[in-house]
Amino acid sequence: MTEQAKKITKKTSIGDVIKQHPEVEPVVKKYFGAGCFTCPGSKTEDIAFGATMHNVDPEVIIKELNDVIEKKKANN
């Protein structure tokens, strides 16, 4: 699988995003709050579910997450 194919989607688990891309921490805190990092549900809940629970459009979060990841890749 190529790096480009690993983009964050609605079905990506919040826990996987946090674990694989620590640079997205500010975005996760912005939309889900700091509690997301210790919440057991974040390990299994996907971005779409978290967005619904926090009344946010998942596409907005996904775009910001992918933008941060792409920016980091470009700077490496």
Protein backbone atom coordinates (compact mmCIF):
# COMPACT_ATOMS: atom_id res chain seq x y z
CA MET A 1 0.00 0.00 0.00
CA THR A 2 1.39 3.40 -0.90
CA GLU A 3 1.58 6.36 1.44
CA GLN A 4 -1.01 8.19 -0.64
CA ALA A 5 -3.47 5.32 -0.21
CA LYS A 6 -3.33 5.72 3.58
CA LYS A 7 -5.40 8.89 3.68
CA ILE A 8 -7.75 9.34 6.61
CA THR A 9 -11.39 8.48 5.79
CA LYS A 10 -14.68 8.47 7.68
CA LYS A 11 -14.06 4.84 8.61
CA THR A 12 -10.55 5.37 10.02
CA SER A 13 -10.54 4.83 13.78
CA ILE A 14 -9.73 7.85 15.91
CA GLY A 15 -7.24 5.76 17.87
CA ASP A 16 -5.39 4.76 14.70
CA VAL A 17 -5.15 8.39 13.61
CA ILE A 18 -3.72 9.45 16.97
CA LYS A 19 -1.27 6.53 17.09
CA GLN A 20 -0.03 6.73 13.50
CA HIS A 21 0.01 10.51 13.14
CA PRO A 22 0.86 12.30 16.42
CA GLU A 23 1.13 15.56 14.47
CA VAL A 24 -2.69 15.69 14.24
CA GLU A 25 -3.11 16.12 18.01
CA PRO A 26 -4.19 19.80 17.74
CA VAL A 27 -6.90 18.91 15.20
CA VAL A 28 -8.22 16.05 17.34
CA LYS A 29 -8.31 18.32 20.40
CA LYS A 30 -10.03 21.07 18.41
CA TYR A 31 -12.95 18.87 17.33
CA PHE A 32 -13.10 16.04 19.88
CA GLY A 33 -11.47 17.54 22.98
CA ALA A 34 -8.46 16.44 25.00
CA GLY A 35 -10.47 13.62 26.60
CA CYS A 36 -10.33 11.75 23.31
CA PHE A 37 -6.75 10.72 24.04
CA THR A 38 -7.75 8.75 27.14
CA CYS A 39 -11.25 7.65 26.11
CA PRO A 40 -11.42 3.87 25.60
CA GLY A 41 -13.97 4.41 22.81
CA SER A 42 -11.49 6.28 20.65
CA LYS A 43 -9.68 2.99 19.98
CA THR A 44 -12.68 1.59 18.10
CA GLU A 45 -14.81 4.58 17.11
CA ASP A 46 -14.27 5.95 13.63
CA ILE A 47 -14.00 9.58 12.55
CA ALA A 48 -17.62 9.62 11.31
CA PHE A 49 -18.94 8.44 14.69
CA GLY A 50 -16.81 10.91 16.63
CA ALA A 51 -17.90 13.74 14.38
CA THR A 52 -21.56 12.82 14.86
CA MET A 53 -21.12 12.70 18.63
CA HIS A 54 -19.51 16.15 18.59
CA ASN A 55 -21.96 17.62 16.05
CA VAL A 56 -19.28 18.34 13.43
CA ASP A 57 -19.24 17.59 9.70
CA PRO A 58 -16.85 14.63 9.33
CA GLU A 59 -15.59 15.95 5.98
CA VAL A 60 -14.27 19.09 7.72
CA ILE A 61 -12.29 17.01 10.22
CA ILE A 62 -11.03 14.58 7.57
CA LYS A 63 -9.79 17.44 5.39
CA GLU A 64 -7.90 19.06 8.29
CA LEU A 65 -6.37 15.77 9.40
CA ASN A 66 -5.18 14.93 5.89
CA ASP A 67 -3.88 18.49 5.37
CA VAL A 68 -1.73 18.25 8.52
CA ILE A 69 -0.40 14.83 7.50
CA GLU A 70 0.40 16.00 3.96
CA LYS A 71 2.12 19.14 5.30
CA LYS A 72 4.34 17.03 7.55
CA LYS A 73 5.23 14.71 4.65
CA ALA A 74 6.12 17.73 2.48
CA ASN A 75 8.42 19.10 5.19
CA ASN A 76 10.32 15.79 5.63
